[in-house]
């Protein structure tokens, strides 16, 4: 068995054992002895051999006896390594896989390290025919993890890849491959973030229930600071009904939004985020209009503005809607469990909006002739 580099286990040992491999020589020997006892590392401590002399050495009952090498597979399945592996990140696992063929095989198997890592990182994500992460009968969970890491950051056809650079038709809607399973996010959250680098007009980020037979959507316009719900039954003539809420101050209408925007789904509630990198925010107070320059890098949130009562089923599809055709640069920057603001901060904005009397939802009805 190939020896495992101590650096590959340092971060996990810091958390699990409180021992640093980068510390003193005695600390290194302690860590090496721990791993050696698990059969995972040759710590380099050798028995002192007797000095050669003319007098033959007489065996003694006090002389050390070499212990049999433990079975690696048994240790990985039921030994302390299983607890240690729960602290490994992707980098740790890849280093271990490159160091030892037996560990690489064990990590890929069902219920072991790559399965557990994916259960944490891809909680609540649904990828088309692949379903949720744990729904596969695969024998190679590392391959499935890598597939999810690529597909979760990809737009669906007719777009493809991680970035949209051109929109050919007006009112185009680009769906993400990563659907949101709301029934799996009762205790955990799922955050999706887009980066807008080029934007000649207006766009919105939305979640819809279209893939499960619904006809509703919840959208956020970073330019207007508005959240709106639409219901558009598949009928002719097309009729759209819904309501909207001014959740954040509007941007200066002379320029389009550039920056980051995101949505967060957690415990049956949805919040939106934006970080404007180009400019001015216009706030309306009564009959007066005030314009302030927004600080670059400052995140804003709508707070938890809506529950899931508007949606059919438990699968939401994230998408980006473009009002006009043109040359854009919209990139999926991350899909993870943590939004850019803490849960306490989001709840604080939600509570403050209720305290100061945020404007109520306003209803609207449209048909295709309007």
Protein backbone atom coordinates (compact mmCIF):
# COMPACT_ATOMS: atom_id res chain seq x y z
CA UNK A 1 0.00 0.00 0.00
CA UNK A 2 1.35 3.42 -0.93
CA UNK A 3 1.94 5.80 1.99
CA UNK A 4 -0.53 8.69 2.28
CA UNK A 5 0.96 12.23 2.43
CA UNK A 6 0.32 13.71 5.88
CA UNK A 7 -0.69 17.04 4.27
CA UNK A 8 -3.71 15.34 2.74
CA UNK A 9 -5.11 14.69 6.20
CA UNK A 10 -4.00 17.82 8.03
CA UNK A 11 -7.25 19.78 7.88
CA UNK A 12 -9.34 16.82 8.97
CA UNK A 13 -6.96 16.01 11.82
CA UNK A 14 -7.11 19.61 13.01
CA UNK A 15 -10.88 19.22 13.46
CA UNK A 16 -11.06 15.61 14.59
CA UNK A 17 -7.97 15.19 16.76
CA UNK A 18 -6.83 18.71 17.54
CA UNK A 19 -3.30 17.78 16.41
CA UNK A 20 -1.38 19.74 13.79
CA UNK A 21 0.86 17.95 11.36
CA UNK A 22 2.65 21.26 10.82
CA UNK A 23 3.62 21.51 14.47
CA UNK A 24 6.60 20.16 16.35
CA UNK A 25 8.34 16.88 15.72
CA UNK A 26 6.53 15.26 18.64
CA UNK A 27 3.16 16.36 17.22
CA UNK A 28 4.06 14.88 13.86
CA UNK A 29 5.01 11.59 15.47
CA UNK A 30 1.72 11.55 17.40
CA UNK A 31 -0.28 12.04 14.20
CA UNK A 32 1.82 9.51 12.37
CA UNK A 33 1.31 6.96 15.14
CA UNK A 34 -2.45 7.55 15.02
CA UNK A 35 -2.63 6.94 11.29
CA UNK A 36 -0.20 4.05 11.52
CA UNK A 37 -2.45 2.38 14.10
CA UNK A 38 -5.28 2.68 11.60
CA UNK A 39 -3.20 1.04 8.90
CA UNK A 40 -3.32 4.18 6.75
CA UNK A 41 0.18 5.57 7.03
CA UNK A 42 3.71 4.36 7.56
CA UNK A 43 4.74 6.91 10.17
CA UNK A 44 8.44 6.25 9.62
CA UNK A 45 9.17 5.10 13.18
CA UNK A 46 11.30 1.97 12.94
CA UNK A 47 12.31 -0.45 15.62
CA UNK A 48 15.91 -0.14 16.77
CA UNK A 49 17.86 -3.15 15.56
CA UNK A 50 20.37 -4.83 17.86
CA UNK A 51 24.01 -3.91 17.24
CA UNK A 52 25.94 -6.63 15.47
CA UNK A 53 28.43 -8.42 17.77
CA UNK A 54 30.13 -11.76 18.16
CA UNK A 55 27.72 -12.88 20.85
CA UNK A 56 24.45 -14.17 19.37
CA UNK A 57 21.30 -12.38 20.49
CA UNK A 58 19.15 -14.42 22.81
CA UNK A 59 15.43 -13.96 22.19
CA UNK A 60 13.59 -12.37 25.10
CA UNK A 61 9.91 -12.19 25.94
CA UNK A 62 10.38 -8.42 26.34
CA UNK A 63 11.54 -7.93 22.76
CA UNK A 64 8.99 -6.12 20.53
CA UNK A 65 6.98 -8.29 18.20
CA UNK A 66 5.75 -6.88 14.88
CA UNK A 67 1.95 -6.57 14.86
CA UNK A 68 0.05 -7.92 11.87
CA UNK A 69 -0.96 -5.26 9.32
CA UNK A 70 -4.71 -4.52 9.69
CA UNK A 71 -7.04 -4.98 6.77
CA UNK A 72 -7.55 -1.58 5.10
CA UNK A 73 -11.05 -2.27 3.77
CA UNK A 74 -12.26 -3.28 7.23
CA UNK A 75 -10.84 -0.10 8.75
CA UNK A 76 -12.49 2.12 6.16
CA UNK A 77 -15.86 0.43 6.66
CA UNK A 78 -16.00 0.30 10.43
CA UNK A 79 -12.86 1.85 11.93
CA UNK A 80 -12.02 5.40 13.06
CA UNK A 81 -11.22 6.36 9.47
CA UNK A 82 -14.96 6.51 8.70
CA UNK A 83 -15.40 9.30 11.27
CA UNK A 84 -12.24 11.03 10.08
CA UNK A 85 -13.41 11.00 6.45
CA UNK A 86 -16.56 12.97 7.32
CA UNK A 87 -14.33 16.05 7.76
CA UNK A 88 -12.66 15.75 4.35
CA UNK A 89 -13.34 18.32 1.66
CA UNK A 90 -13.02 17.67 -2.08
CA UNK A 91 -9.31 18.49 -2.08
CA UNK A 92 -8.61 16.03 0.72
CA UNK A 93 -10.53 13.24 -1.02
CA UNK A 94 -8.79 13.81 -4.34
CA UNK A 95 -5.38 13.71 -2.67
CA UNK A 96 -6.23 10.47 -0.90
CA UNK A 97 -7.61 8.94 -4.10
CA UNK A 98 -4.35 9.77 -5.88
CA UNK A 99 -2.30 8.29 -3.04
CA UNK A 100 -3.88 4.89 -2.57
CA UNK A 101 -5.76 2.62 -4.95
CA UNK A 102 -7.57 0.79 -2.16
CA UNK A 103 -8.82 4.05 -0.63
CA UNK A 104 -9.90 5.30 -4.04
CA UNK A 105 -12.01 2.18 -4.51
CA UNK A 106 -13.53 2.49 -1.03
CA UNK A 107 -14.32 6.21 -1.46
CA UNK A 108 -16.29 5.54 -4.65
CA UNK A 109 -18.48 2.80 -3.19
CA UNK A 110 -22.03 3.29 -1.94
CA UNK A 111 -22.41 4.96 1.45
CA UNK A 112 -18.78 6.08 1.72
CA UNK A 113 -16.87 9.35 1.32
CA UNK A 114 -17.97 10.62 -2.12
CA UNK A 115 -21.56 9.64 -1.45
CA UNK A 116 -21.57 11.57 1.85
CA UNK A 117 -19.83 14.57 0.29
CA UNK A 118 -22.44 14.78 -2.48
CA UNK A 119 -25.32 14.42 -0.02
CA UNK A 120 -24.09 17.59 1.69
CA UNK A 121 -23.07 19.65 -1.34
CA UNK A 122 -26.01 18.83 -3.65
CA UNK A 123 -28.85 18.73 -1.16
CA UNK A 124 -32.08 19.86 -2.80
CA UNK A 125 -30.76 19.85 -6.40
CA UNK A 126 -32.63 17.90 -9.08
CA UNK A 127 -30.92 17.30 -12.44
CA UNK A 128 -33.46 16.29 -15.06
CA UNK A 129 -33.34 12.54 -15.76
CA UNK A 130 -30.57 12.11 -13.16
CA UNK A 131 -32.91 13.17 -10.35
CA UNK A 132 -31.49 14.01 -6.93
CA UNK A 133 -27.99 12.98 -5.96
CA UNK A 134 -28.87 9.96 -3.82
CA UNK A 135 -31.41 8.47 -6.26
CA UNK A 136 -28.83 6.59 -8.33
CA UNK A 137 -27.81 2.92 -8.15
CA UNK A 138 -24.31 3.75 -9.39
CA UNK A 139 -21.23 2.01 -8.06
CA UNK A 140 -19.01 5.05 -8.74
CA UNK A 141 -20.10 7.99 -6.56
CA UNK A 142 -17.06 10.04 -7.40
CA UNK A 143 -18.10 10.06 -11.06
CA UNK A 144 -21.64 11.06 -10.07
CA UNK A 145 -20.29 13.85 -7.86
CA UNK A 146 -18.22 15.24 -10.75
CA UNK A 147 -21.25 15.04 -13.06
CA UNK A 148 -23.36 17.06 -10.58
CA UNK A 149 -20.59 19.64 -10.14
CA UNK A 150 -20.62 20.27 -13.90
CA UNK A 151 -24.35 20.06 -14.66
CA UNK A 152 -25.49 22.18 -11.70
CA UNK A 153 -23.67 25.18 -13.20
CA UNK A 154 -25.05 24.75 -16.73
CA UNK A 155 -27.91 26.30 -18.70
CA UNK A 156 -30.34 24.00 -20.47
CA UNK A 157 -30.78 23.83 -24.25
CA UNK A 158 -31.04 25.76 -26.52
CA UNK A 159 -28.38 27.46 -24.42
CA UNK A 160 -25.51 25.42 -23.11
CA UNK A 161 -22.53 25.86 -20.87
CA UNK A 162 -22.13 28.09 -17.88
CA UNK A 163 -22.44 31.48 -19.63
CA UNK A 164 -24.89 33.11 -22.05
CA UNK A 165 -23.29 35.57 -24.46
CA UNK A 166 -26.07 36.10 -27.01
CA UNK A 167 -29.87 36.10 -27.01
CA UNK A 168 -31.48 35.73 -30.44
CA UNK A 169 -35.14 36.46 -29.68
CA UNK A 170 -37.10 38.81 -27.46
CA UNK A 171 -38.76 37.42 -24.32
CA UNK A 172 -36.29 34.52 -24.29
CA UNK A 173 -36.21 32.36 -21.16
CA UNK A 174 -33.03 30.42 -20.30
CA UNK A 175 -33.55 27.60 -17.82
CA UNK A 176 -30.89 26.15 -15.56
CA UNK A 177 -30.34 22.39 -15.47
CA UNK A 178 -30.40 22.39 -11.68
CA UNK A 179 -33.98 22.19 -10.43
CA UNK A 180 -34.91 22.95 -6.82
CA UNK A 181 -36.57 20.23 -4.73
CA UNK A 182 -38.40 22.27 -2.12
CA UNK A 183 -39.42 19.20 -0.09
CA UNK A 184 -35.73 18.48 0.60
CA UNK A 185 -34.97 21.98 1.94
CA UNK A 186 -36.88 22.03 5.20
CA UNK A 187 -33.72 22.29 7.31
CA UNK A 188 -31.21 23.32 4.65
CA UNK A 189 -31.14 26.06 2.05
CA UNK A 190 -30.20 26.27 -1.63
CA UNK A 191 -28.68 29.43 -3.09
CA UNK A 192 -28.27 30.15 -6.82
CA UNK A 193 -26.25 33.16 -7.97
CA UNK A 194 -25.81 34.75 -11.39
CA UNK A 195 -23.19 37.28 -12.48
CA UNK A 196 -24.26 39.86 -15.07
CA UNK A 197 -21.24 41.26 -16.92
CA UNK A 198 -22.94 42.64 -20.04
CA UNK A 199 -26.60 43.67 -20.21
CA UNK A 200 -27.95 45.86 -23.02
CA UNK A 201 -31.53 45.90 -21.68
CA UNK A 202 -33.51 44.29 -18.84
CA UNK A 203 -33.52 40.81 -17.34
CA UNK A 204 -35.07 38.96 -14.40
CA UNK A 205 -34.25 35.88 -12.34
CA UNK A 206 -37.18 33.54 -11.75
CA UNK A 207 -38.35 30.17 -10.46
CA UNK A 208 -41.23 28.41 -12.15
CA UNK A 209 -43.38 25.30 -11.65
CA UNK A 210 -43.67 24.62 -15.39
CA UNK A 211 -41.81 21.28 -15.34
CA UNK A 212 -44.45 19.72 -13.09
CA UNK A 213 -47.44 20.96 -15.09
CA UNK A 214 -47.93 24.32 -13.41
CA UNK A 215 -48.29 27.74 -15.04
CA UNK A 216 -46.90 30.10 -12.38
CA UNK A 217 -43.62 31.90 -11.78
CA UNK A 218 -41.98 34.05 -9.11
CA UNK A 219 -39.52 36.63 -10.47
CA UNK A 220 -37.18 39.38 -9.31
CA UNK A 221 -36.17 42.39 -11.40
CA UNK A 222 -32.83 43.79 -10.18
CA UNK A 223 -33.43 47.02 -12.12
CA UNK A 224 -36.85 47.80 -10.66
CA UNK A 225 -36.20 46.12 -7.30
CA UNK A 226 -39.54 44.43 -7.83
CA UNK A 227 -40.77 40.91 -7.02
CA UNK A 228 -43.77 39.66 -8.94
CA UNK A 229 -45.87 36.52 -9.23
CA UNK A 230 -47.43 35.62 -12.55
CA UNK A 231 -49.95 33.00 -13.50
CA UNK A 232 -50.34 32.43 -17.23
CA UNK A 233 -52.64 29.49 -18.10
CA UNK A 234 -51.98 27.86 -21.45
CA UNK A 235 -55.01 29.30 -23.19
CA UNK A 236 -55.80 31.45 -26.18
CA UNK A 237 -55.96 34.39 -26.04
CA UNK A 238 -53.19 34.38 -23.45
CA UNK A 239 -54.12 35.98 -20.15
CA UNK A 240 -51.71 36.80 -17.35
CA UNK A 241 -52.72 37.57 -13.80
CA UNK A 242 -50.59 38.21 -10.77
CA UNK A 243 -49.29 40.67 -8.24
CA UNK A 244 -46.10 42.63 -7.58
CA UNK A 245 -44.19 44.08 -4.64
CA UNK A 246 -41.57 46.85 -4.50
CA UNK A 247 -39.06 44.95 -2.39
CA UNK A 248 -35.94 47.10 -3.05
CA UNK A 249 -35.31 50.63 -4.36
CA UNK A 250 -35.24 50.94 -8.14
CA UNK A 251 -32.01 51.56 -10.02
CA UNK A 252 -31.39 54.57 -12.23
CA UNK A 253 -33.45 53.92 -15.36
CA UNK A 254 -30.72 55.39 -17.59
CA UNK A 255 -28.55 52.31 -17.13
CA UNK A 256 -29.10 48.57 -17.01
CA UNK A 257 -28.14 46.30 -14.15
CA UNK A 258 -24.59 44.93 -13.89
CA UNK A 259 -23.48 42.87 -10.91
CA UNK A 260 -24.68 39.77 -9.09
CA UNK A 261 -28.18 38.58 -8.33
CA UNK A 262 -29.38 35.47 -6.57
CA UNK A 263 -32.26 33.57 -5.04
CA UNK A 264 -32.40 31.53 -1.86
CA UNK A 265 -34.93 28.80 -1.02
CA UNK A 266 -35.10 27.60 2.57
CA UNK A 267 -37.81 26.04 4.75
CA UNK A 268 -40.64 26.92 2.39
CA UNK A 269 -39.62 30.58 1.87
CA UNK A 270 -37.85 32.47 -0.90
CA UNK A 271 -35.56 35.53 -0.76
CA UNK A 272 -33.83 37.46 -3.55
CA UNK A 273 -30.48 39.27 -3.58
CA UNK A 274 -28.62 41.79 -5.68
CA UNK A 275 -25.23 43.52 -5.67
CA UNK A 276 -25.10 46.43 -8.10
CA UNK A 277 -21.69 47.26 -9.55
CA UNK A 278 -22.57 50.15 -11.81
CA UNK A 279 -24.36 52.72 -10.05
CA UNK A 280 -27.26 54.64 -8.76
CA UNK A 281 -30.32 53.66 -6.74
CA UNK A 282 -33.48 55.72 -7.04
CA UNK A 283 -35.83 55.66 -4.04
CA UNK A 284 -39.31 57.16 -4.09
CA UNK A 285 -40.49 58.80 -0.86
CA UNK A 286 -43.91 60.24 -1.26
CA UNK A 287 -43.77 62.70 -4.15
CA UNK A 288 -40.02 63.23 -3.92
CA UNK A 289 -37.34 61.20 -5.68
CA UNK A 290 -33.91 60.61 -4.11
CA UNK A 291 -30.92 59.19 -5.97
CA UNK A 292 -27.97 57.63 -4.16
CA UNK A 293 -24.83 56.01 -5.50
CA UNK A 294 -24.76 52.39 -4.41
CA UNK A 295 -21.53 51.09 -2.93
CA UNK A 296 -19.86 48.48 -5.08
CA UNK A 297 -19.80 45.18 -3.24
CA UNK A 298 -22.80 45.98 -1.03
CA UNK A 299 -25.35 43.15 -0.96
CA UNK A 300 -29.07 43.90 -0.68
CA UNK A 301 -31.90 41.45 -0.05
CA UNK A 302 -35.64 41.50 -0.40
CA UNK A 303 -35.93 39.41 2.75
CA UNK A 304 -38.24 36.41 2.73
CA UNK A 305 -40.95 37.83 0.49
CA UNK A 306 -42.94 34.73 -0.44
CA UNK A 307 -43.73 31.17 0.59
CA UNK A 308 -44.40 28.28 -1.81
CA UNK A 309 -48.19 28.41 -1.84
CA UNK A 310 -48.18 29.81 -5.41
CA UNK A 311 -46.33 26.78 -6.85
CA UNK A 312 -47.65 23.41 -7.95
CA UNK A 313 -45.70 20.36 -6.79
CA UNK A 314 -42.31 20.38 -5.09
CA UNK A 315 -39.97 21.04 -8.05
CA UNK A 316 -39.04 24.58 -9.07
CA UNK A 317 -37.03 25.44 -12.18
CA UNK A 318 -34.69 28.47 -11.99
CA UNK A 319 -34.38 30.58 -15.15
CA UNK A 320 -33.32 33.94 -16.53
CA UNK A 321 -35.75 35.95 -18.69
CA UNK A 322 -34.49 38.49 -21.25
CA UNK A 323 -36.80 41.25 -22.46
CA UNK A 324 -34.96 41.96 -25.73
CA UNK A 325 -32.47 40.16 -27.97
CA UNK A 326 -28.85 41.26 -27.88
CA UNK A 327 -25.34 40.54 -26.71
CA UNK A 328 -25.32 39.61 -23.04
CA UNK A 329 -22.87 38.04 -20.62
CA UNK A 330 -24.74 36.21 -17.88
CA UNK A 331 -22.86 33.55 -15.94
CA UNK A 332 -23.91 31.03 -13.28
CA UNK A 333 -21.39 31.91 -10.60
CA UNK A 334 -22.36 29.42 -7.89
CA UNK A 335 -24.91 26.92 -6.61
CA UNK A 336 -24.46 26.23 -2.91
CA UNK A 337 -26.18 26.14 0.48
CA UNK A 338 -25.08 29.53 1.82
CA UNK A 339 -26.41 32.92 0.61
CA UNK A 340 -24.21 36.04 0.77
CA UNK A 341 -26.00 37.20 3.93
CA UNK A 342 -26.66 35.27 7.13
CA UNK A 343 -30.05 33.82 7.98
CA UNK A 344 -30.33 36.29 10.85
CA UNK A 345 -29.69 39.23 8.53
CA UNK A 346 -32.34 38.03 6.04
CA UNK A 347 -34.87 37.59 8.84
CA UNK A 348 -33.95 41.05 10.13
CA UNK A 349 -34.76 42.63 6.76
CA UNK A 350 -38.02 40.66 6.63
CA UNK A 351 -39.04 41.86 10.10
CA UNK A 352 -37.99 45.45 9.40
CA UNK A 353 -40.10 45.55 6.22
CA UNK A 354 -43.16 44.59 8.25
CA UNK A 355 -42.35 47.14 10.96
CA UNK A 356 -41.95 50.14 8.64
CA UNK A 357 -44.98 49.17 6.60
CA UNK A 358 -43.61 47.90 3.31
CA UNK A 359 -46.06 48.59 0.43
CA UNK A 360 -48.53 45.79 -0.03
CA UNK A 361 -48.78 43.48 -3.00
CA UNK A 362 -50.52 45.12 -5.95
CA UNK A 363 -52.59 43.00 -8.33
CA UNK A 364 -52.61 43.14 -12.14
CA UNK A 365 -54.32 41.41 -15.08
CA UNK A 366 -53.10 41.41 -18.68
CA UNK A 367 -54.00 39.75 -21.96
CA UNK A 368 -51.99 39.34 -25.16
CA UNK A 369 -53.55 42.43 -26.72
CA UNK A 370 -52.03 44.71 -24.06
